[in-house]
Amino acid sequence: MKSFVDPYVGGVTTTKSLGAPLEGVSCEFANANPSTIVVLNMGLATPDEFAALRSASGGGNRTTTTVSGLGTTAFEISNGKPGGMAALSPHDVLVSVTADISFDEDRSLIQQLLAKY
């Protein structure tokens, strides 16, 4: 996973497991400062579980917006600035990125991971 995230944080120097969700991984990647942190979650999910994730992601001051052309369904999270993105593949692989990077970078990272897994 580090090799996928490395270009988005300007060189990963710290990797931390955030625990293993069922049939998946959850990791935090940071650069040396750490001025950029990317939290990546991957695992299997049903469409109903994905819908529940979207609902939960839209709480507080955050909104979710549908993203087209990424997996079978996808959304971005915003609270006035980019806050992450999640997508579900046709094979029920969920990829979720929470980071202080742009939506274009979120999309690019998720596309790479969905193509690989």
PDB file of N, CA and C in Angstrom:
ATOM      1  N   MET A   1       0.809  -1.190   0.000  1.00  0.00           N
ATOM      2  CA  MET A   1       0.000   0.000   0.000  1.00  0.00           C
ATOM      3  C   MET A   1       0.859   1.263   0.000  1.00  0.00           C
ATOM      4  N   LYS A   2       1.989   1.210   0.701  1.00  0.00           N
ATOM      5  CA  LYS A   2       2.866   2.374   0.799  1.00  0.00           C
ATOM      6  C   LYS A   2       3.243   2.900  -0.578  1.00  0.00           C
ATOM      7  N   SER A   3       3.529   2.001  -1.517  1.00  0.00           N
ATOM      8  CA  SER A   3       3.944   2.448  -2.848  1.00  0.00           C
ATOM      9  C   SER A   3       2.829   3.208  -3.568  1.00  0.00           C
ATOM     10  N   PHE A   4       1.578   2.891  -3.290  1.00  0.00           N
ATOM     11  CA  PHE A   4       0.464   3.617  -3.896  1.00  0.00           C
ATOM     12  C   PHE A   4       0.317   5.015  -3.293  1.00  0.00           C
ATOM     13  N   VAL A   5       0.503   5.128  -1.984  1.00  0.00           N
ATOM     14  CA  VAL A   5       0.262   6.375  -1.268  1.00  0.00           C
ATOM     15  C   VAL A   5       1.450   7.334  -1.358  1.00  0.00           C
ATOM     16  N   ASP A   6       2.645   6.813  -1.480  1.00  0.00           N
ATOM     17  CA  ASP A   6       3.880   7.603  -1.454  1.00  0.00           C
ATOM     18  C   ASP A   6       3.836   8.883  -2.298  1.00  0.00           C
ATOM     19  N   PRO A   7       3.403   8.824  -3.561  1.00  0.00           N
ATOM     20  CA  PRO A   7       3.404  10.058  -4.376  1.00  0.00           C
ATOM     21  C   PRO A   7       2.469  11.154  -3.861  1.00  0.00           C
ATOM     22  N   TYR A   8       1.453  10.782  -3.098  1.00  0.00           N
ATOM     23  CA  TYR A   8       0.455  11.754  -2.643  1.00  0.00           C
ATOM     24  C   TYR A   8       0.868  12.483  -1.366  1.00  0.00           C
ATOM     25  N   VAL A   9       1.803  11.919  -0.629  1.00  0.00           N
ATOM     26  CA  VAL A   9       2.240  12.567   0.606  1.00  0.00           C
ATOM     27  C   VAL A   9       3.658  13.116   0.491  1.00  0.00           C
ATOM     28  N   GLY A  10       4.282  12.934  -0.654  1.00  0.00           N
ATOM     29  CA  GLY A  10       5.630  13.446  -0.845  1.00  0.00           C
ATOM     30  C   GLY A  10       6.676  12.619  -0.126  1.00  0.00           C
ATOM     31  N   GLY A  11       6.446  11.332  -0.062  1.00  0.00           N
ATOM     32  CA  GLY A  11       7.388  10.419   0.572  1.00  0.00           C
ATOM     33  C   GLY A  11       6.896   9.957   1.924  1.00  0.00           C
ATOM     34  N   VAL A  12       6.367   8.750   1.976  1.00  0.00           N
ATOM     35  CA  VAL A  12       5.877   8.187   3.232  1.00  0.00           C
ATOM     36  C   VAL A  12       7.064   7.859   4.125  1.00  0.00           C
ATOM     37  N   THR A  13       7.055   8.397   5.333  1.00  0.00           N
ATOM     38  CA  THR A  13       8.097   8.060   6.312  1.00  0.00           C
ATOM     39  C   THR A  13       7.513   7.331   7.509  1.00  0.00           C
ATOM     40  N   THR A  14       6.195   7.427   7.714  1.00  0.00           N
ATOM     41  CA  THR A  14       5.547   6.769   8.841  1.00  0.00           C
ATOM     42  C   THR A  14       4.320   6.017   8.356  1.00  0.00           C
ATOM     43  N   THR A  15       4.215   4.758   8.738  1.00  0.00           N
ATOM     44  CA  THR A  15       3.042   3.946   8.437  1.00  0.00           C
ATOM     45  C   THR A  15       2.548   3.352   9.740  1.00  0.00           C
ATOM     46  N   LYS A  16       1.252   3.463   9.969  1.00  0.00           N
ATOM     47  CA  LYS A  16       0.680   2.976  11.226  1.00  0.00           C
ATOM     48  C   LYS A  16      -0.600   2.214  10.927  1.00  0.00           C
ATOM     49  N   SER A  17      -0.691   0.997  11.443  1.00  0.00           N
ATOM     50  CA  SER A  17      -1.920   0.223  11.315  1.00  0.00           C
ATOM     51  C   SER A  17      -2.951   0.801  12.267  1.00  0.00           C
ATOM     52  N   LEU A  18      -4.154   0.965  11.771  1.00  0.00           N
ATOM     53  CA  LEU A  18      -5.242   1.480  12.607  1.00  0.00           C
ATOM     54  C   LEU A  18      -6.194   0.363  13.010  1.00  0.00           C
ATOM     55  N   GLY A  19      -5.741  -0.865  12.884  1.00  0.00           N
ATOM     56  CA  GLY A  19      -6.579  -2.015  13.199  1.00  0.00           C
ATOM     57  C   GLY A  19      -7.114  -2.618  11.932  1.00  0.00           C
ATOM     58  N   ALA A  20      -7.530  -3.828  12.010  1.00  0.00           N
ATOM     59  CA  ALA A  20      -8.004  -4.548  10.825  1.00  0.00           C
ATOM     60  C   ALA A  20      -9.512  -4.708  10.866  1.00  0.00           C
ATOM     61  N   PRO A  21     -10.232  -3.949  10.025  1.00  0.00           N
ATOM     62  CA  PRO A  21     -11.664  -4.213   9.930  1.00  0.00           C
ATOM     63  C   PRO A  21     -11.853  -5.601   9.324  1.00  0.00           C
ATOM     64  N   LEU A  22     -13.021  -6.179   9.460  1.00  0.00           N
ATOM     65  CA  LEU A  22     -13.257  -7.502   8.893  1.00  0.00           C
ATOM     66  C   LEU A  22     -12.873  -7.523   7.420  1.00  0.00           C
ATOM     67  N   GLU A  23     -12.070  -8.498   7.056  1.00  0.00           N
ATOM     68  CA  GLU A  23     -11.657  -8.708   5.672  1.00  0.00           C
ATOM     69  C   GLU A  23     -11.113  -7.437   5.029  1.00  0.00           C
ATOM     70  N   GLY A  24     -10.247  -6.697   5.732  1.00  0.00           N
ATOM     71  CA  GLY A  24      -9.698  -5.481   5.157  1.00  0.00           C
ATOM     72  C   GLY A  24      -8.511  -4.958   5.922  1.00  0.00           C
ATOM     73  N   VAL A  25      -8.085  -3.771   5.525  1.00  0.00           N
ATOM     74  CA  VAL A  25      -6.965  -3.098   6.176  1.00  0.00           C
ATOM     75  C   VAL A  25      -7.330  -1.643   6.428  1.00  0.00           C
ATOM     76  N   SER A  26      -6.713  -1.068   7.445  1.00  0.00           N
ATOM     77  CA  SER A  26      -6.866   0.344   7.748  1.00  0.00           C
ATOM     78  C   SER A  26      -5.498   0.846   8.184  1.00  0.00           C
ATOM     79  N   CYS A  27      -4.928   1.777   7.400  1.00  0.00           N
ATOM     80  CA  CYS A  27      -3.583   2.270   7.680  1.00  0.00           C
ATOM     81  C   CYS A  27      -3.519   3.786   7.538  1.00  0.00           C
ATOM     82  N   GLU A  28      -2.610   4.372   8.317  1.00  0.00           N
ATOM     83  CA  GLU A  28      -2.328   5.797   8.229  1.00  0.00           C
ATOM     84  C   GLU A  28      -0.914   5.964   7.685  1.00  0.00           C
ATOM     85  N   PHE A  29      -0.777   6.836   6.697  1.00  0.00           N
ATOM     86  CA  PHE A  29       0.516   7.115   6.075  1.00  0.00           C
ATOM     87  C   PHE A  29       0.818   8.597   6.242  1.00  0.00           C
ATOM     88  N   ALA A  30       2.048   8.930   6.619  1.00  0.00           N
ATOM     89  CA  ALA A  30       2.421  10.331   6.809  1.00  0.00           C
ATOM     90  C   ALA A  30       3.803  10.590   6.233  1.00  0.00           C
ATOM     91  N   ASN A  31       4.047  11.861   5.867  1.00  0.00           N
ATOM     92  CA  ASN A  31       5.378  12.250   5.423  1.00  0.00           C
ATOM     93  C   ASN A  31       6.185  12.698   6.635  1.00  0.00           C
ATOM     94  N   ALA A  32       7.389  13.168   6.414  1.00  0.00           N
ATOM     95  CA  ALA A  32       8.311  13.463   7.512  1.00  0.00           C
ATOM     96  C   ALA A  32       7.835  14.590   8.426  1.00  0.00           C
ATOM     97  N   ASN A  33       7.076  15.544   7.937  1.00  0.00           N
ATOM     98  CA  ASN A  33       6.729  16.739   8.719  1.00  0.00           C
ATOM     99  C   ASN A  33       5.839  16.493   9.932  1.00  0.00           C
ATOM    100  N   PRO A  34       4.823  15.779  10.042  1.00  0.00           N
ATOM    101  CA  PRO A  34       3.927  15.227   9.034  1.00  0.00           C
ATOM    102  C   PRO A  34       2.887  16.256   8.579  1.00  0.00           C
ATOM    103  N   SER A  35       3.131  16.843   7.447  1.00  0.00           N
ATOM    104  CA  SER A  35       2.221  17.855   6.920  1.00  0.00           C
ATOM    105  C   SER A  35       1.088  17.245   6.096  1.00  0.00           C
ATOM    106  N   THR A  36       1.285  16.028   5.610  1.00  0.00           N
ATOM    107  CA  THR A  36       0.237  15.347   4.854  1.00  0.00           C
ATOM    108  C   THR A  36       0.046  13.959   5.438  1.00  0.00           C
ATOM    109  N   ILE A  37      -1.196  13.647   5.777  1.00  0.00           N
ATOM    110  CA  ILE A  37      -1.550  12.336   6.317  1.00  0.00           C
ATOM    111  C   ILE A  37      -2.677  11.771   5.466  1.00  0.00           C
ATOM    112  N   VAL A  38      -2.537  10.513   5.075  1.00  0.00           N
ATOM    113  CA  VAL A  38      -3.563   9.814   4.321  1.00  0.00           C
ATOM    114  C   VAL A  38      -3.984   8.593   5.132  1.00  0.00           C
ATOM    115  N   VAL A  39      -5.277   8.472   5.397  1.00  0.00           N
ATOM    116  CA  VAL A  39      -5.822   7.284   6.037  1.00  0.00           C
ATOM    117  C   VAL A  39      -6.532   6.493   4.945  1.00  0.00           C
ATOM    118  N   LEU A  40      -6.088   5.253   4.765  1.00  0.00           N
ATOM    119  CA  LEU A  40      -6.615   4.391   3.708  1.00  0.00           C
ATOM    120  C   LEU A  40      -7.306   3.196   4.343  1.00  0.00           C
ATOM    121  N   ASN A  41      -8.546   2.970   3.941  1.00  0.00           N
ATOM    122  CA  ASN A  41      -9.307   1.802   4.388  1.00  0.00           C
ATOM    123  C   ASN A  41      -9.717   1.011   3.158  1.00  0.00           C
ATOM    124  N   MET A  42      -9.461  -0.284   3.195  1.00  0.00           N
ATOM    125  CA  MET A  42      -9.888  -1.171   2.108  1.00  0.00           C
ATOM    126  C   MET A  42     -10.475  -2.430   2.718  1.00  0.00           C
ATOM    127  N   GLY A  43     -11.506  -2.927   2.080  1.00  0.00           N
ATOM    128  CA  GLY A  43     -12.104  -4.173   2.539  1.00  0.00           C
ATOM    129  C   GLY A  43     -13.317  -4.512   1.706  1.00  0.00           C
ATOM    130  N   LEU A  44     -13.947  -5.593   2.051  1.00  0.00           N
ATOM    131  CA  LEU A  44     -15.163  -6.002   1.361  1.00  0.00           C
ATOM    132  C   LEU A  44     -16.362  -5.329   2.007  1.00  0.00           C
ATOM    133  N   ALA A  45     -17.311  -4.931   1.183  1.00  0.00           N
ATOM    134  CA  ALA A  45     -18.523  -4.283   1.697  1.00  0.00           C
ATOM    135  C   ALA A  45     -19.673  -4.543   0.743  1.00  0.00           C
ATOM    136  N   THR A  46     -20.845  -4.675   1.282  1.00  0.00           N
ATOM    137  CA  THR A  46     -22.041  -4.807   0.467  1.00  0.00           C
ATOM    138  C   THR A  46     -22.515  -3.404   0.069  1.00  0.00           C
ATOM    139  N   PRO A  47     -23.359  -3.304  -0.935  1.00  0.00           N
ATOM    140  CA  PRO A  47     -23.925  -1.991  -1.266  1.00  0.00           C
ATOM    141  C   PRO A  47     -24.647  -1.336  -0.084  1.00  0.00           C
ATOM    142  N   ASP A  48     -25.317  -2.137   0.756  1.00  0.00           N
ATOM    143  CA  ASP A  48     -25.990  -1.572   1.932  1.00  0.00           C
ATOM    144  C   ASP A  48     -24.982  -1.017   2.935  1.00  0.00           C
ATOM    145  N   GLU A  49     -23.863  -1.713   3.130  1.00  0.00           N
ATOM    146  CA  GLU A  49     -22.821  -1.222   4.031  1.00  0.00           C
ATOM    147  C   GLU A  49     -22.193   0.062   3.483  1.00  0.00           C
ATOM    148  N   PHE A  50     -22.034   0.118   2.157  1.00  0.00           N
ATOM    149  CA  PHE A  50     -21.503   1.329   1.537  1.00  0.00           C
ATOM    150  C   PHE A  50     -22.457   2.495   1.744  1.00  0.00           C
ATOM    151  N   ALA A  51     -23.749   2.257   1.595  1.00  0.00           N
ATOM    152  CA  ALA A  51     -24.751   3.306   1.819  1.00  0.00           C
ATOM    153  C   ALA A  51     -24.715   3.785   3.274  1.00  0.00           C
ATOM    154  N   ALA A  52     -24.518   2.862   4.211  1.00  0.00           N
ATOM    155  CA  ALA A  52     -24.422   3.242   5.624  1.00  0.00           C
ATOM    156  C   ALA A  52     -23.174   4.083   5.873  1.00  0.00           C
ATOM    157  N   LEU A  53     -22.053   3.739   5.209  1.00  0.00           N
ATOM    158  CA  LEU A  53     -20.834   4.531   5.330  1.00  0.00           C
ATOM    159  C   LEU A  53     -21.075   5.946   4.821  1.00  0.00           C
ATOM    160  N   ARG A  54     -21.759   6.065   3.682  1.00  0.00           N
ATOM    161  CA  ARG A  54     -22.040   7.396   3.134  1.00  0.00           C
ATOM    162  C   ARG A  54     -22.890   8.205   4.101  1.00  0.00           C
ATOM    163  N   SER A  55     -23.893   7.580   4.665  1.00  0.00           N
ATOM    164  CA  SER A  55     -24.762   8.279   5.613  1.00  0.00           C
ATOM    165  C   SER A  55     -23.971   8.760   6.824  1.00  0.00           C
ATOM    166  N   ALA A  56     -23.120   7.906   7.364  1.00  0.00           N
ATOM    167  CA  ALA A  56     -22.316   8.270   8.529  1.00  0.00           C
ATOM    168  C   ALA A  56     -21.282   9.348   8.182  1.00  0.00           C
ATOM    169  N   SER A  57     -20.764   9.313   6.963  1.00  0.00           N
ATOM    170  CA  SER A  57     -19.740  10.283   6.543  1.00  0.00           C
ATOM    171  C   SER A  57     -20.308  11.678   6.365  1.00  0.00           C
ATOM    172  N   GLY A  58     -21.619  11.777   6.210  1.00  0.00           N
ATOM    173  CA  GLY A  58     -22.257  13.069   5.993  1.00  0.00           C
ATOM    174  C   GLY A  58     -22.724  13.754   7.253  1.00  0.00           C
ATOM    175  N   GLY A  59     -22.282  13.295   8.403  1.00  0.00           N
ATOM    176  CA  GLY A  59     -22.726  13.890   9.657  1.00  0.00           C
ATOM    177  C   GLY A  59     -21.941  15.135  10.027  1.00  0.00           C
ATOM    178  N   GLY A  60     -22.405  15.814  11.058  1.00  0.00           N
ATOM    179  CA  GLY A  60     -21.720  17.019  11.530  1.00  0.00           C
ATOM    180  C   GLY A  60     -21.753  18.115  10.491  1.00  0.00           C
ATOM    181  N   ASN A  61     -20.636  18.747  10.256  1.00  0.00           N
ATOM    182  CA  ASN A  61     -20.536  19.814   9.256  1.00  0.00           C
ATOM    183  C   ASN A  61     -20.100  19.295   7.898  1.00  0.00           C
ATOM    184  N   ARG A  62     -20.134  17.971   7.706  1.00  0.00           N
ATOM    185  CA  ARG A  62     -19.681  17.377   6.444  1.00  0.00           C
ATOM    186  C   ARG A  62     -20.853  17.100   5.517  1.00  0.00           C
ATOM    187  N   THR A  63     -20.579  17.193   4.231  1.00  0.00           N
ATOM    188  CA  THR A  63     -21.555  16.814   3.218  1.00  0.00           C
ATOM    189  C   THR A  63     -20.928  15.754   2.327  1.00  0.00           C
ATOM    190  N   THR A  64     -21.773  14.962   1.700  1.00  0.00           N
ATOM    191  CA  THR A  64     -21.299  13.990   0.727  1.00  0.00           C
ATOM    192  C   THR A  64     -21.928  14.309  -0.623  1.00  0.00           C
ATOM    193  N   THR A  65     -21.148  14.105  -1.672  1.00  0.00           N
ATOM    194  CA  THR A  65     -21.587  14.368  -3.039  1.00  0.00           C
ATOM    195  C   THR A  65     -21.249  13.169  -3.897  1.00  0.00           C
ATOM    196  N   THR A  66     -22.187  12.733  -4.713  1.00  0.00           N
ATOM    197  CA  THR A  66     -21.959  11.601  -5.606  1.00  0.00           C
ATOM    198  C   THR A  66     -20.853  11.919  -6.592  1.00  0.00           C
ATOM    199  N   VAL A  67     -19.989  10.937  -6.818  1.00  0.00           N
ATOM    200  CA  VAL A  67     -18.910  11.029  -7.800  1.00  0.00           C
ATOM    201  C   VAL A  67     -19.204   9.996  -8.879  1.00  0.00           C
ATOM    202  N   SER A  68     -19.223  10.405 -10.126  1.00  0.00           N
ATOM    203  CA  SER A  68     -19.496   9.465 -11.205  1.00  0.00           C
ATOM    204  C   SER A  68     -18.196   8.955 -11.822  1.00  0.00           C
ATOM    205  N   GLY A  69     -18.288   7.776 -12.425  1.00  0.00           N
ATOM    206  CA  GLY A  69     -17.154   7.208 -13.143  1.00  0.00           C
ATOM    207  C   GLY A  69     -16.087   6.590 -12.271  1.00  0.00           C
ATOM    208  N   LEU A  70     -16.418   6.283 -11.034  1.00  0.00           N
ATOM    209  CA  LEU A  70     -15.447   5.695 -10.112  1.00  0.00           C
ATOM    210  C   LEU A  70     -16.112   4.512  -9.425  1.00  0.00           C
ATOM    211  N   GLY A  71     -15.704   3.295  -9.789  1.00  0.00           N
ATOM    212  CA  GLY A  71     -16.340   2.101  -9.244  1.00  0.00           C
ATOM    213  C   GLY A  71     -17.802   2.048  -9.651  1.00  0.00           C
ATOM    214  N   THR A  72     -18.587   1.259  -8.934  1.00  0.00           N
ATOM    215  CA  THR A  72     -20.024   1.191  -9.232  1.00  0.00           C
ATOM    216  C   THR A  72     -20.776   2.323  -8.553  1.00  0.00           C
ATOM    217  N   THR A  73     -20.220   2.826  -7.464  1.00  0.00           N
ATOM    218  CA  THR A  73     -20.785   3.970  -6.757  1.00  0.00           C
ATOM    219  C   THR A  73     -19.670   4.620  -5.953  1.00  0.00           C
ATOM    220  N   ALA A  74     -19.726   5.928  -5.827  1.00  0.00           N
ATOM    221  CA  ALA A  74     -18.680   6.649  -5.099  1.00  0.00           C
ATOM    222  C   ALA A  74     -19.227   7.975  -4.593  1.00  0.00           C
ATOM    223  N   PHE A  75     -18.552   8.506  -3.555  1.00  0.00           N
ATOM    224  CA  PHE A  75     -18.907   9.821  -3.048  1.00  0.00           C
ATOM    225  C   PHE A  75     -17.668  10.511  -2.504  1.00  0.00           C
ATOM    226  N   GLU A  76     -17.732  11.838  -2.471  1.00  0.00           N
ATOM    227  CA  GLU A  76     -16.672  12.626  -1.852  1.00  0.00           C
ATOM    228  C   GLU A  76     -17.235  13.269  -0.598  1.00  0.00           C
ATOM    229  N   ILE A  77     -16.338  13.563   0.340  1.00  0.00           N
ATOM    230  CA  ILE A  77     -16.712  14.151   1.629  1.00  0.00           C
ATOM    231  C   ILE A  77     -16.096  15.536   1.711  1.00  0.00           C
ATOM    232  N   SER A  78     -16.900  16.512   2.133  1.00  0.00           N
ATOM    233  CA  SER A  78     -16.402  17.878   2.223  1.00  0.00           C
ATOM    234  C   SER A  78     -16.949  18.557   3.470  1.00  0.00           C
ATOM    235  N   ASN A  79     -16.139  19.417   4.027  1.00  0.00           N
ATOM    236  CA  ASN A  79     -16.588  20.313   5.105  1.00  0.00           C
ATOM    237  C   ASN A  79     -16.122  21.725   4.760  1.00  0.00           C
ATOM    238  N   GLY A  80     -16.290  22.099   3.500  1.00  0.00           N
ATOM    239  CA  GLY A  80     -15.803  23.372   3.000  1.00  0.00           C
ATOM    240  C   GLY A  80     -14.480  23.220   2.278  1.00  0.00           C
ATOM    241  N   LYS A  81     -13.827  22.086   2.474  1.00  0.00           N
ATOM    242  CA  LYS A  81     -12.597  21.731   1.765  1.00  0.00           C
ATOM    243  C   LYS A  81     -12.606  20.217   1.596  1.00  0.00           C
ATOM    244  N   PRO A  82     -11.809  19.693   0.666  1.00  0.00           N
ATOM    245  CA  PRO A  82     -11.803  18.242   0.454  1.00  0.00           C
ATOM    246  C   PRO A  82     -11.479  17.489   1.740  1.00  0.00           C
ATOM    247  N   GLY A  83     -12.263  16.448   2.000  1.00  0.00           N
ATOM    248  CA  GLY A  83     -12.059  15.668   3.210  1.00  0.00           C
ATOM    249  C   GLY A  83     -11.906  14.183   2.970  1.00  0.00           C
ATOM    250  N   GLY A  84     -12.059  13.765   1.711  1.00  0.00           N
ATOM    251  CA  GLY A  84     -11.893  12.353   1.401  1.00  0.00           C
ATOM    252  C   GLY A  84     -12.860  11.888   0.346  1.00  0.00           C
ATOM    253  N   MET A  85     -12.752  10.590   0.035  1.00  0.00           N
ATOM    254  CA  MET A  85     -13.569   9.999  -1.009  1.00  0.00           C
ATOM    255  C   MET A  85     -13.656   8.504  -0.748  1.00  0.00           C
ATOM    256  N   ALA A  86     -14.753   7.890  -1.163  1.00  0.00           N
ATOM    257  CA  ALA A  86     -14.926   6.455  -1.030  1.00  0.00           C
ATOM    258  C   ALA A  86     -15.582   5.911  -2.284  1.00  0.00           C
ATOM    259  N   ALA A  87     -15.214   4.680  -2.650  1.00  0.00           N
ATOM    260  CA  ALA A  87     -15.790   4.043  -3.828  1.00  0.00           C
ATOM    261  C   ALA A  87     -15.967   2.555  -3.566  1.00  0.00           C
ATOM    262  N   LEU A  88     -16.942   1.979  -4.238  1.00  0.00           N
ATOM    263  CA  LEU A  88     -17.217   0.546  -4.162  1.00  0.00           C
ATOM    264  C   LEU A  88     -17.056  -0.036  -5.553  1.00  0.00           C
ATOM    265  N   SER A  89     -16.254  -1.101  -5.669  1.00  0.00           N
ATOM    266  CA  SER A  89     -16.002  -1.723  -6.971  1.00  0.00           C
ATOM    267  C   SER A  89     -17.127  -2.688  -7.333  1.00  0.00           C
ATOM    268  N   PRO A  90     -17.173  -3.136  -8.595  1.00  0.00           N
ATOM    269  CA  PRO A  90     -18.168  -4.136  -8.984  1.00  0.00           C
ATOM    270  C   PRO A  90     -18.018  -5.452  -8.213  1.00  0.00           C
ATOM    271  N   HIS A  91     -16.842  -5.672  -7.618  1.00  0.00           N
ATOM    272  CA  HIS A  91     -16.580  -6.897  -6.848  1.00  0.00           C
ATOM    273  C   HIS A  91     -16.735  -6.668  -5.344  1.00  0.00           C
ATOM    274  N   ASP A  92     -17.421  -5.583  -4.983  1.00  0.00           N
ATOM    275  CA  ASP A  92     -17.688  -5.233  -3.585  1.00  0.00           C
ATOM    276  C   ASP A  92     -16.434  -4.947  -2.765  1.00  0.00           C
ATOM    277  N   VAL A  93     -15.396  -4.403  -3.424  1.00  0.00           N
ATOM    278  CA  VAL A  93     -14.215  -3.931  -2.717  1.00  0.00           C
ATOM    279  C   VAL A  93     -14.436  -2.451  -2.427  1.00  0.00           C
ATOM    280  N   LEU A  94     -14.363  -2.109  -1.159  1.00  0.00           N
ATOM    281  CA  LEU A  94     -14.517  -0.728  -0.717  1.00  0.00           C
ATOM    282  C   LEU A  94     -13.134  -0.110  -0.542  1.00  0.00           C
ATOM    283  N   VAL A  95     -12.936   1.068  -1.134  1.00  0.00           N
ATOM    284  CA  VAL A  95     -11.717   1.839  -0.916  1.00  0.00           C
ATOM    285  C   VAL A  95     -12.149   3.209  -0.413  1.00  0.00           C
ATOM    286  N   SER A  96     -11.638   3.586   0.749  1.00  0.00           N
ATOM    287  CA  SER A  96     -11.963   4.867   1.357  1.00  0.00           C
ATOM    288  C   SER A  96     -10.668   5.601   1.679  1.00  0.00           C
ATOM    289  N   VAL A  97     -10.595   6.871   1.274  1.00  0.00           N
ATOM    290  CA  VAL A  97      -9.426   7.699   1.543  1.00  0.00           C
ATOM    291  C   VAL A  97      -9.891   8.914   2.341  1.00  0.00           C
ATOM    292  N   THR A  98      -9.263   9.142   3.478  1.00  0.00           N
ATOM    293  CA  THR A  98      -9.485  10.352   4.251  1.00  0.00           C
ATOM    294  C   THR A  98      -8.150  11.061   4.311  1.00  0.00           C
ATOM    295  N   ALA A  99      -8.096  12.285   3.768  1.00  0.00           N
ATOM    296  CA  ALA A  99      -6.803  12.960   3.660  1.00  0.00           C
ATOM    297  C   ALA A  99      -6.994  14.443   3.418  1.00  0.00           C
ATOM    298  N   ASP A 100      -5.905  15.175   3.582  1.00  0.00           N
ATOM    299  CA  ASP A 100      -5.911  16.595   3.251  1.00  0.00           C
ATOM    300  C   ASP A 100      -5.247  16.808   1.894  1.00  0.00           C
ATOM    301  N   ILE A 101      -5.645  15.967   0.930  1.00  0.00           N
ATOM    302  CA  ILE A 101      -5.196  16.109  -0.456  1.00  0.00           C
ATOM    303  C   ILE A 101      -6.418  16.460  -1.300  1.00  0.00           C
ATOM    304  N   SER A 102      -6.202  16.818  -2.539  1.00  0.00           N
ATOM    305  CA  SER A 102      -7.310  17.252  -3.397  1.00  0.00           C
ATOM    306  C   SER A 102      -8.200  16.079  -3.794  1.00  0.00           C
ATOM    307  N   PHE A 103      -9.424  16.403  -4.235  1.00  0.00           N
ATOM    308  CA  PHE A 103     -10.332  15.371  -4.732  1.00  0.00           C
ATOM    309  C   PHE A 103      -9.730  14.662  -5.937  1.00  0.00           C
ATOM    310  N   ASP A 104      -9.025  15.379  -6.798  1.00  0.00           N
ATOM    311  CA  ASP A 104      -8.378  14.740  -7.950  1.00  0.00           C
ATOM    312  C   ASP A 104      -7.359  13.703  -7.497  1.00  0.00           C
ATOM    313  N   GLU A 105      -6.621  14.013  -6.435  1.00  0.00           N
ATOM    314  CA  GLU A 105      -5.645  13.061  -5.908  1.00  0.00           C
ATOM    315  C   GLU A 105      -6.351  11.877  -5.238  1.00  0.00           C
ATOM    316  N   ASP A 106      -7.433  12.136  -4.509  1.00  0.00           N
ATOM    317  CA  ASP A 106      -8.235  11.044  -3.931  1.00  0.00           C
ATOM    318  C   ASP A 106      -8.684  10.099  -5.045  1.00  0.00           C
ATOM    319  N   ARG A 107      -9.255  10.688  -6.089  1.00  0.00           N
ATOM    320  CA  ARG A 107      -9.774   9.895  -7.211  1.00  0.00           C
ATOM    321  C   ARG A 107      -8.664   9.059  -7.846  1.00  0.00           C
ATOM    322  N   SER A 108      -7.526   9.670  -8.101  1.00  0.00           N
ATOM    323  CA  SER A 108      -6.411   8.970  -8.733  1.00  0.00           C
ATOM    324  C   SER A 108      -5.945   7.788  -7.875  1.00  0.00           C
ATOM    325  N   LEU A 109      -5.794   8.005  -6.587  1.00  0.00           N
ATOM    326  CA  LEU A 109      -5.366   6.939  -5.684  1.00  0.00           C
ATOM    327  C   LEU A 109      -6.389   5.807  -5.669  1.00  0.00           C
ATOM    328  N   ILE A 110      -7.662   6.140  -5.561  1.00  0.00           N
ATOM    329  CA  ILE A 110      -8.716   5.107  -5.536  1.00  0.00           C
ATOM    330  C   ILE A 110      -8.755   4.358  -6.858  1.00  0.00           C
ATOM    331  N   GLN A 111      -8.628   5.047  -7.980  1.00  0.00           N
ATOM    332  CA  GLN A 111      -8.615   4.373  -9.287  1.00  0.00           C
ATOM    333  C   GLN A 111      -7.493   3.346  -9.372  1.00  0.00           C
ATOM    334  N   GLN A 112      -6.316   3.719  -8.896  1.00  0.00           N
ATOM    335  CA  GLN A 112      -5.178   2.803  -8.917  1.00  0.00           C
ATOM    336  C   GLN A 112      -5.452   1.560  -8.063  1.00  0.00           C
ATOM    337  N   LEU A 113      -5.997   1.779  -6.879  1.00  0.00           N
ATOM    338  CA  LEU A 113      -6.259   0.652  -5.979  1.00  0.00           C
ATOM    339  C   LEU A 113      -7.383  -0.247  -6.516  1.00  0.00           C
ATOM    340  N   LEU A 114      -8.425   0.346  -7.071  1.00  0.00           N
ATOM    341  CA  LEU A 114      -9.508  -0.465  -7.635  1.00  0.00           C
ATOM    342  C   LEU A 114      -9.007  -1.273  -8.828  1.00  0.00           C
ATOM    343  N   ALA A 115      -8.114  -0.716  -9.624  1.00  0.00           N
ATOM    344  CA  ALA A 115      -7.560  -1.451 -10.771  1.00  0.00           C
ATOM    345  C   ALA A 115      -6.703  -2.629 -10.301  1.00  0.00           C
ATOM    346  N   LYS A 116      -6.027  -2.454  -9.184  1.00  0.00           N
ATOM    347  CA  LYS A 116      -5.141  -3.498  -8.649  1.00  0.00           C
ATOM    348  C   LYS A 116      -5.927  -4.573  -7.901  1.00  0.00           C
ATOM    349  N   TYR A 117      -6.932  -4.167  -7.156  1.00  0.00           N
ATOM    350  CA  TYR A 117      -7.674  -5.109  -6.309  1.00  0.00           C
ATOM    351  C   TYR A 117      -9.098  -5.262  -6.750  1.00  0.00           C
TER     352      TYR A 117
END
